[in-house]
Amino acid sequence: MKDFLLDDTDRTFRAEVKDVLQRELAPRMADIEERQDWQAIRQVVRALGEAGYLRLMFPDLYRGPLAKPGLTHATILSEEAAYLNYAFETTIATALSCAYPLYHFANPQVRDQYLLPILDGTAIGAICVTESNVGSDSAGMETRIDFDEKTNEWVINGFKRYISNASVADVYIVYGLTTHTGKPQAGMTAIAVPKTAPGIHFPRNYSFMGRRGCIVGEVEFKDCRVPADHLLGERDGGFRIMLGMFNFERAILGGSGLGVARSAFDIATEHAQRRMAFGQHLGCKQLVWDKIAQMSWRIDSAELMTYRATRMYDAGIDGKALMKEASMAKLVATETANFCANETVQILGGDGLTKEYGRAEQIYRDARALTIVGGTSEMAKYLIACRDLPHIRIGL
């Protein structure tokens, strides 16, 4: 790995993170994958919180040795965690996506109540956007958020699905409509909802082909009430909060994809140099070395795009100015993860399909989610094209 956009401080940080994850996550990987042990995940989250790694995005709250912590370092953390276990990485990435709006838009009392436990690793967060008819197109959102002046509370009614950390999170950032006429995105509002709020329910969790151990499910709100001060930002200002959160999430997913791709690549190259076929090492076969070369240049491309986006964010570039670069990072890294996972299974042959001969089949199943979660590859291409075709309106 070239890590061309990283400096010696970043490389030292990466080595430190690897050591911590090898100590805390690696011994629990089988518990997470085979037994879907949520407590194993919680123990590692707590260890990362104690190490200060969940504060990297919030410099004034960070207490570690880095002089300028930021998204670059949070992405390194996600990359190294995904290298070992993408299901676990999903849990912390979602918690950080929840922490982002709390840090930037919650009032001080609410921020301290919900944000600090997440950063300490003693609490888990979740984001509630997706609905039955809402995925990438957030304009179709049907969840309603009304204000009850008599009780000074927000009242939420709606149904969210495919929510990472559903039922196990301690606080949920919920997006819904407070203005029900005109453009839906103009009337969107974000609210912090604790798990203990009356009217919040968790109908079921889903079973996925991959990311075993990561809990994903449904969250339903039936006259769910939270105090007025749990509003994030301003009423009808939720869409702007969501856009900023998505840039952050897409860059983090670039790290996720990069970690999964590297994990697959290392398995493939080790096998190609060890396995003998027709009197030669497998890697001597042209069709195999072609696969290795394609994986290699795709990983380098993904790395450059991912850390370009994080460097831009850490330099103060965000919003629409970062939308293209963050989308490119997410698109290229997650597509690369899928490519590498597929080619690794092919290179390993029968060994790539079995649990008995390594992790290739797990990585193959895990990687498939990456081009869907956090906005599909198709949506990423749309956002890129919007910047490249500024003088025409391209519609969905």
Protein backbone atom coordinates (compact mmCIF):
# COMPACT_ATOMS: atom_id res chain seq x y z
CA MET A 1 0.00 0.00 0.00
CA LYS A 2 1.46 3.35 -1.05
CA ASP A 3 -0.53 5.63 1.33
CA PHE A 4 0.73 8.52 -0.82
CA LEU A 5 -1.57 11.10 0.81
CA LEU A 6 -0.65 10.11 4.37
CA ASP A 7 2.32 11.35 6.39
CA ASP A 8 4.48 9.72 9.04
CA THR A 9 2.11 10.78 11.83
CA ASP A 10 -0.77 9.09 10.02
CA ARG A 11 1.29 5.94 9.45
CA THR A 12 2.24 5.80 13.13
CA PHE A 13 -1.43 6.18 14.01
CA ARG A 14 -2.35 3.36 11.62
CA ALA A 15 0.20 1.05 13.25
CA GLU A 16 -1.20 1.90 16.68
CA VAL A 17 -4.77 1.21 15.53
CA LYS A 18 -3.72 -2.13 14.04
CA ASP A 19 -2.21 -3.18 17.34
CA VAL A 20 -5.34 -2.28 19.29
CA LEU A 21 -7.64 -4.05 16.82
CA GLN A 22 -5.43 -7.14 16.78
CA ARG A 23 -5.69 -7.23 20.55
CA GLU A 24 -9.39 -6.38 20.92
CA LEU A 25 -11.18 -7.33 17.69
CA ALA A 26 -9.20 -10.21 16.16
CA PRO A 27 -9.82 -12.65 19.06
CA ARG A 28 -13.57 -11.94 18.87
CA MET A 29 -14.00 -12.24 15.09
CA ALA A 30 -15.27 -15.83 15.29
CA ASP A 31 -17.78 -14.92 17.99
CA ILE A 32 -19.12 -12.11 15.82
CA GLU A 33 -19.26 -14.09 12.55
CA GLU A 34 -20.30 -17.54 13.77
CA ARG A 35 -22.44 -16.68 16.80
CA GLN A 36 -23.45 -13.11 15.94
CA ASP A 37 -22.38 -12.17 19.45
CA TRP A 38 -23.49 -8.59 20.04
CA GLN A 39 -21.74 -8.45 23.39
CA ALA A 40 -18.44 -9.17 21.64
CA ILE A 41 -19.05 -6.13 19.44
CA ARG A 42 -19.94 -3.98 22.46
CA GLN A 43 -16.72 -4.99 24.22
CA VAL A 44 -14.61 -3.87 21.26
CA VAL A 45 -16.58 -0.61 20.91
CA ARG A 46 -15.90 0.08 24.59
CA ALA A 47 -12.19 -0.60 24.09
CA LEU A 48 -12.03 1.83 21.15
CA GLY A 49 -13.83 4.44 23.23
CA GLU A 50 -11.37 4.01 26.08
CA ALA A 51 -8.50 4.41 23.61
CA GLY A 52 -10.00 7.73 22.44
CA TYR A 53 -10.53 6.58 18.85
CA LEU A 54 -14.22 7.51 18.73
CA ARG A 55 -13.32 11.18 19.37
CA LEU A 56 -11.12 11.61 16.30
CA MET A 57 -13.74 13.64 14.43
CA PHE A 58 -14.16 16.12 17.26
CA PRO A 59 -10.84 17.88 17.95
CA ASP A 60 -11.98 19.82 21.01
CA LEU A 61 -13.08 16.57 22.69
CA TYR A 62 -10.05 14.51 21.61
CA ARG A 63 -7.45 13.73 24.28
CA GLY A 64 -4.92 11.65 22.34
CA PRO A 65 -1.44 12.30 20.91
CA LEU A 66 -2.52 13.50 17.44
CA ALA A 67 -2.02 17.24 16.96
CA LYS A 68 -4.72 17.51 14.29
CA PRO A 69 -7.15 14.57 14.48
CA GLY A 70 -9.88 14.43 11.87
CA LEU A 71 -11.80 12.48 9.26
CA THR A 72 -8.57 11.10 7.81
CA HIS A 73 -7.84 9.31 11.08
CA ALA A 74 -11.43 8.16 11.58
CA THR A 75 -11.25 6.67 8.07
CA ILE A 76 -7.98 4.89 8.89
CA LEU A 77 -9.77 3.39 11.90
CA SER A 78 -12.67 2.23 9.71
CA GLU A 79 -10.32 0.82 7.08
CA GLU A 80 -8.37 -1.25 9.59
CA ALA A 81 -11.53 -2.44 11.37
CA ALA A 82 -13.16 -3.45 8.06
CA TYR A 83 -9.99 -5.31 7.10
CA LEU A 84 -10.68 -7.64 10.03
CA ASN A 85 -14.48 -7.60 10.22
CA TYR A 86 -16.81 -5.39 8.21
CA ALA A 87 -19.82 -6.18 10.43
CA PHE A 88 -18.04 -4.69 13.40
CA GLU A 89 -16.89 -1.68 11.39
CA THR A 90 -20.50 -1.01 10.38
CA THR A 91 -21.41 -0.66 14.04
CA ILE A 92 -18.80 1.99 14.80
CA ALA A 93 -19.28 3.84 11.50
CA THR A 94 -23.00 4.13 12.23
CA ALA A 95 -22.30 5.33 15.76
CA LEU A 96 -19.97 8.02 14.38
CA SER A 97 -22.59 9.05 11.80
CA CYS A 98 -24.97 9.52 14.73
CA ALA A 99 -22.36 11.47 16.68
CA TYR A 100 -21.79 13.90 13.79
CA PRO A 101 -25.16 15.73 13.95
CA LEU A 102 -25.20 15.57 17.75
CA TYR A 103 -21.84 17.31 17.89
CA HIS A 104 -22.66 19.99 15.34
CA PHE A 105 -26.36 20.67 15.89
CA ALA A 106 -27.56 19.57 19.36
CA ASN A 107 -27.85 22.09 22.17
CA PRO A 108 -25.11 21.70 24.84
CA GLN A 109 -27.23 19.76 27.33
CA VAL A 110 -28.52 17.25 24.77
CA ARG A 111 -25.08 16.98 23.21
CA ASP A 112 -23.47 16.07 26.51
CA GLN A 113 -26.28 13.65 27.38
CA TYR A 114 -26.06 11.56 24.21
CA LEU A 115 -22.79 12.37 22.44
CA LEU A 116 -20.26 11.83 25.22
CA PRO A 117 -21.35 8.24 26.03
CA ILE A 118 -21.05 7.36 22.32
CA LEU A 119 -17.54 8.78 22.19
CA ASP A 120 -16.61 6.92 25.37
CA GLY A 121 -17.82 3.65 23.84
CA THR A 122 -20.45 3.11 26.52
CA ALA A 123 -23.40 3.92 24.24
CA ILE A 124 -24.35 3.18 20.62
CA GLY A 125 -26.04 5.48 18.11
CA ALA A 126 -28.18 4.96 15.01
CA ILE A 127 -29.47 6.97 12.05
CA CYS A 128 -33.10 6.68 10.88
CA VAL A 129 -33.57 7.74 7.24
CA THR A 130 -34.67 4.77 5.10
CA GLU A 131 -38.39 3.94 4.84
CA SER A 132 -40.51 1.50 2.84
CA ASN A 133 -40.64 3.98 -0.05
CA VAL A 134 -37.51 5.96 0.74
CA GLY A 135 -33.94 4.94 0.00
CA SER A 136 -31.66 7.27 -1.93
CA ASP A 137 -34.67 9.48 -2.73
CA SER A 138 -35.20 11.15 0.63
CA ALA A 139 -37.81 13.49 -0.93
CA GLY A 140 -40.37 10.69 -0.60
CA MET A 141 -40.09 10.62 3.20
CA GLU A 142 -43.39 9.97 4.98
CA THR A 143 -42.40 10.11 8.67
CA ARG A 144 -44.15 13.06 10.33
CA ILE A 145 -42.79 15.19 13.12
CA ASP A 146 -45.26 17.56 14.75
CA PHE A 147 -44.86 19.94 17.66
CA ASP A 148 -47.25 19.75 20.60
CA GLU A 149 -47.29 23.24 22.08
CA LYS A 150 -49.29 22.14 25.12
CA THR A 151 -46.64 19.68 26.30
CA ASN A 152 -43.63 21.34 24.59
CA GLU A 153 -42.74 18.08 22.85
CA TRP A 154 -42.04 16.76 19.38
CA VAL A 155 -44.40 13.96 18.32
CA ILE A 156 -43.07 11.48 15.76
CA ASN A 157 -45.09 9.04 13.66
CA GLY A 158 -43.47 6.86 11.02
CA PHE A 159 -41.71 3.65 10.11
CA LYS A 160 -38.00 3.26 9.34
CA ARG A 161 -36.26 0.15 8.04
CA TYR A 162 -32.76 -1.12 7.28
CA ILE A 163 -31.54 0.78 10.33
CA SER A 164 -28.09 -0.30 11.52
CA ASN A 165 -27.96 -0.78 15.30
CA ALA A 166 -31.77 -0.86 15.48
CA SER A 167 -33.01 -2.03 18.90
CA VAL A 168 -29.50 -1.99 20.41
CA ALA A 169 -28.69 1.71 19.95
CA ASP A 170 -29.17 4.07 22.86
CA VAL A 171 -30.07 7.13 20.76
CA TYR A 172 -31.51 7.55 17.25
CA ILE A 173 -31.19 10.52 14.91
CA VAL A 174 -34.60 10.57 13.23
CA TYR A 175 -35.38 12.48 10.03
CA GLY A 176 -38.99 13.35 9.22
CA LEU A 177 -41.24 16.09 7.86
CA THR A 178 -42.38 19.01 10.00
CA THR A 179 -43.78 20.96 7.05
CA HIS A 180 -46.15 18.86 4.99
CA THR A 181 -46.73 21.11 2.00
CA GLY A 182 -44.31 22.12 -0.74
CA LYS A 183 -40.97 20.45 -1.38
CA PRO A 184 -40.49 17.60 1.16
CA GLN A 185 -36.77 18.27 1.54
CA ALA A 186 -37.50 21.87 2.53
CA GLY A 187 -39.68 20.64 5.39
CA MET A 188 -37.34 17.97 6.77
CA THR A 189 -36.29 18.07 10.42
CA ALA A 190 -33.84 16.04 12.51
CA ILE A 191 -34.60 14.98 16.09
CA ALA A 192 -32.55 13.08 18.68
CA VAL A 193 -34.67 10.26 20.12
CA PRO A 194 -33.49 8.15 23.07
CA LYS A 195 -34.30 4.44 23.14
CA THR A 196 -36.33 5.06 26.30
CA ALA A 197 -38.72 7.51 24.62
CA PRO A 198 -42.39 6.49 24.85
CA GLY A 199 -43.76 5.36 21.49
CA ILE A 200 -40.56 3.96 19.94
CA HIS A 201 -40.77 0.30 18.90
CA PHE A 202 -38.53 -2.25 17.20
CA PRO A 203 -40.73 -4.65 15.20
CA ARG A 204 -37.97 -6.96 13.96
CA ASN A 205 -34.33 -7.36 12.99
CA TYR A 206 -33.29 -8.66 9.57
CA SER A 207 -31.18 -11.66 8.57
CA PHE A 208 -28.61 -10.76 5.92
CA MET A 209 -26.37 -12.85 3.70
CA GLY A 210 -23.34 -11.01 5.07
CA ARG A 211 -22.20 -8.70 7.86
CA ARG A 212 -23.19 -11.29 10.42
CA GLY A 213 -23.19 -9.85 13.92
CA CYS A 214 -24.18 -6.37 12.71
CA ILE A 215 -27.74 -5.73 13.88
CA VAL A 216 -30.01 -4.14 11.25
CA GLY A 217 -33.77 -3.84 11.62
CA GLU A 218 -36.90 -1.74 11.81
CA VAL A 219 -37.79 1.21 14.01
CA GLU A 220 -41.39 2.34 14.35
CA PHE A 221 -42.66 5.55 15.93
CA LYS A 222 -46.25 5.73 17.21
CA ASP A 223 -46.93 9.09 18.82
CA CYS A 224 -43.34 8.97 20.04
CA ARG A 225 -42.66 11.99 22.23
CA VAL A 226 -39.38 13.74 22.97
CA PRO A 227 -38.71 17.12 24.63
CA ALA A 228 -38.53 20.25 22.51
CA ASP A 229 -34.81 20.67 23.16
CA HIS A 230 -34.06 17.41 21.30
CA LEU A 231 -34.40 19.28 18.00
CA LEU A 232 -31.15 19.27 16.00
CA GLY A 233 -30.41 22.58 14.35
CA GLU A 234 -33.56 24.35 13.24
CA ARG A 235 -37.04 23.20 12.35
CA ASP A 236 -37.18 22.37 8.62
CA GLY A 237 -33.35 22.39 8.54
CA GLY A 238 -32.85 18.64 8.57
CA PHE A 239 -31.96 18.24 4.91
CA ARG A 240 -28.85 20.39 5.28
CA ILE A 241 -27.82 18.30 8.30
CA MET A 242 -28.35 15.13 6.27
CA LEU A 243 -26.19 16.37 3.38
CA GLY A 244 -23.27 17.05 5.70
CA MET A 245 -23.73 13.68 7.36
CA PHE A 246 -23.72 11.93 3.97
CA ASN A 247 -20.36 13.46 2.97
CA PHE A 248 -18.90 12.19 6.21
CA GLU A 249 -20.54 8.77 5.75
CA ARG A 250 -19.38 8.38 2.15
CA ALA A 251 -15.76 9.08 3.05
CA ILE A 252 -15.94 6.60 5.92
CA LEU A 253 -17.44 4.03 3.52
CA GLY A 254 -14.46 4.65 1.27
CA GLY A 255 -12.33 3.42 4.16
CA SER A 256 -14.69 0.47 4.72
CA GLY A 257 -14.44 -0.60 1.09
CA LEU A 258 -10.69 -0.16 1.09
CA GLY A 259 -10.31 -2.37 4.17
CA VAL A 260 -12.47 -5.15 2.71
CA ALA A 261 -10.65 -4.95 -0.63
CA ARG A 262 -7.22 -5.17 1.02
CA SER A 263 -8.32 -8.15 3.10
CA ALA A 264 -9.43 -10.03 -0.02
CA PHE A 265 -6.30 -9.03 -1.93
CA ASP A 266 -3.98 -10.34 0.78
CA ILE A 267 -5.75 -13.70 0.75
CA ALA A 268 -5.53 -13.88 -3.06
CA THR A 269 -1.84 -12.96 -3.31
CA GLU A 270 -0.85 -15.39 -0.54
CA HIS A 271 -2.70 -18.22 -2.30
CA ALA A 272 -1.31 -17.35 -5.74
CA GLN A 273 2.26 -17.54 -4.40
CA ARG A 274 1.71 -20.78 -2.46
CA ARG A 275 -0.56 -22.95 -4.60
CA MET A 276 1.05 -25.11 -7.30
CA ALA A 277 -0.82 -25.96 -10.51
CA PHE A 278 0.59 -27.74 -13.59
CA GLY A 279 4.10 -27.53 -12.19
CA GLN A 280 4.04 -23.80 -11.49
CA HIS A 281 2.86 -21.43 -8.81
CA LEU A 282 -0.67 -20.27 -9.55
CA GLY A 283 0.53 -16.67 -9.77
CA CYS A 284 2.64 -17.59 -12.81
CA LYS A 285 -0.52 -18.12 -14.85
CA GLN A 286 -1.37 -15.11 -17.01
CA LEU A 287 -5.08 -15.16 -16.21
CA VAL A 288 -4.26 -15.15 -12.49
CA TRP A 289 -1.63 -12.42 -12.56
CA ASP A 290 -4.07 -10.33 -14.59
CA LYS A 291 -6.57 -10.62 -11.72
CA ILE A 292 -3.90 -9.69 -9.17
CA ALA A 293 -2.83 -6.65 -11.21
CA GLN A 294 -6.41 -5.45 -11.61
CA MET A 295 -7.03 -5.76 -7.89
CA SER A 296 -3.82 -3.89 -7.15
CA TRP A 297 -4.46 -0.84 -9.31
CA ARG A 298 -8.08 -0.62 -8.19
CA ILE A 299 -7.03 -0.63 -4.52
CA ASP A 300 -4.49 2.11 -5.14
CA SER A 301 -7.12 4.18 -6.97
CA ALA A 302 -9.59 3.69 -4.13
CA GLU A 303 -6.99 4.72 -1.58
CA LEU A 304 -6.10 7.91 -3.43
CA MET A 305 -9.74 8.94 -3.86
CA THR A 306 -10.70 8.09 -0.30
CA TYR A 307 -7.89 10.02 1.37
CA ARG A 308 -8.23 12.92 -1.06
CA ALA A 309 -11.81 13.30 0.18
CA THR A 310 -10.82 13.06 3.85
CA ARG A 311 -7.97 15.55 3.41
CA MET A 312 -10.37 17.99 1.78
CA TYR A 313 -12.84 17.59 4.64
CA ASP A 314 -10.11 18.12 7.23
CA ALA A 315 -9.09 21.27 5.34
CA GLY A 316 -12.58 22.68 5.86
CA ILE A 317 -14.23 21.73 2.56
CA ASP A 318 -17.73 20.29 2.98
CA GLY A 319 -21.29 20.46 1.66
CA LYS A 320 -21.75 20.62 -2.11
CA ALA A 321 -18.05 21.43 -2.54
CA LEU A 322 -17.17 17.95 -1.27
CA MET A 323 -20.13 16.03 -2.70
CA LYS A 324 -18.36 14.85 -5.87
CA GLU A 325 -15.11 13.80 -4.20
CA ALA A 326 -16.87 12.01 -1.32
CA SER A 327 -19.15 10.23 -3.80
CA MET A 328 -16.18 9.17 -5.94
CA ALA A 329 -14.41 7.79 -2.87
CA LYS A 330 -17.45 5.76 -1.87
CA LEU A 331 -18.14 4.57 -5.43
CA VAL A 332 -14.62 3.46 -6.33
CA ALA A 333 -13.74 1.91 -2.95
CA THR A 334 -16.94 -0.09 -2.59
CA GLU A 335 -16.93 -1.28 -6.20
CA THR A 336 -13.28 -2.27 -5.68
CA ALA A 337 -14.21 -4.26 -2.59
CA ASN A 338 -16.77 -6.23 -4.59
CA PHE A 339 -14.34 -6.78 -7.45
CA CYS A 340 -11.57 -8.00 -5.16
CA ALA A 341 -13.89 -10.24 -3.15
CA ASN A 342 -15.21 -11.87 -6.33
CA GLU A 343 -11.78 -12.38 -7.91
CA THR A 344 -10.33 -13.76 -4.68
CA VAL A 345 -13.01 -16.45 -4.50
CA GLN A 346 -12.29 -17.29 -8.17
CA ILE A 347 -8.54 -17.56 -7.57
CA LEU A 348 -9.08 -19.84 -4.56
CA GLY A 349 -11.53 -22.05 -6.43
CA GLY A 350 -13.32 -24.51 -4.14
CA ASP A 351 -11.41 -23.20 -1.12
CA GLY A 352 -12.99 -19.80 -1.72
CA LEU A 353 -16.48 -21.21 -1.24
CA THR A 354 -15.95 -22.95 2.08
CA LYS A 355 -15.75 -21.77 5.67
CA GLU A 356 -13.19 -24.49 6.38
CA TYR A 357 -10.46 -22.89 4.24
CA GLY A 358 -10.42 -19.27 5.34
CA ARG A 359 -12.42 -16.04 5.17
CA ALA A 360 -12.80 -15.55 1.42
CA GLU A 361 -16.45 -16.60 1.37
CA GLN A 362 -17.24 -14.32 4.33
CA ILE A 363 -15.57 -11.36 2.65
CA TYR A 364 -17.50 -12.15 -0.54
CA ARG A 365 -20.81 -12.03 1.36
CA ASP A 366 -19.86 -8.97 3.39
CA ALA A 367 -18.65 -6.91 0.43
CA ARG A 368 -21.96 -7.08 -1.42
CA ALA A 369 -23.62 -4.62 0.95
CA LEU A 370 -21.04 -1.92 0.34
CA THR A 371 -22.37 -0.75 -3.04
CA ILE A 372 -25.85 -0.38 -1.54
CA VAL A 373 -25.51 1.05 1.97
CA GLY A 374 -24.98 4.77 2.40
CA GLY A 375 -26.32 5.43 -1.10
CA THR A 376 -26.08 3.04 -4.03
CA SER A 377 -23.36 3.14 -6.68
CA GLU A 378 -25.99 4.46 -9.08
CA MET A 379 -26.74 7.36 -6.71
CA ALA A 380 -23.05 8.12 -6.35
CA LYS A 381 -22.73 8.36 -10.15
CA TYR A 382 -25.69 10.74 -10.23
CA LEU A 383 -24.09 13.03 -7.64
CA ILE A 384 -20.81 13.02 -9.57
CA ALA A 385 -22.59 13.86 -12.82
CA CYS A 386 -24.46 16.74 -11.14
CA ARG A 387 -21.13 18.47 -10.57
CA ASP A 388 -19.78 17.67 -14.04
CA LEU A 389 -22.92 18.89 -15.83
CA PRO A 390 -23.61 22.16 -13.97
CA HIS A 391 -25.43 23.91 -16.80
CA ILE A 392 -28.22 21.39 -17.28
CA ARG A 393 -30.69 19.83 -14.90
CA ILE A 394 -30.39 16.07 -14.80
CA GLY A 395 -33.36 14.38 -13.20
CA LEU A 396 -33.93 11.09 -11.45
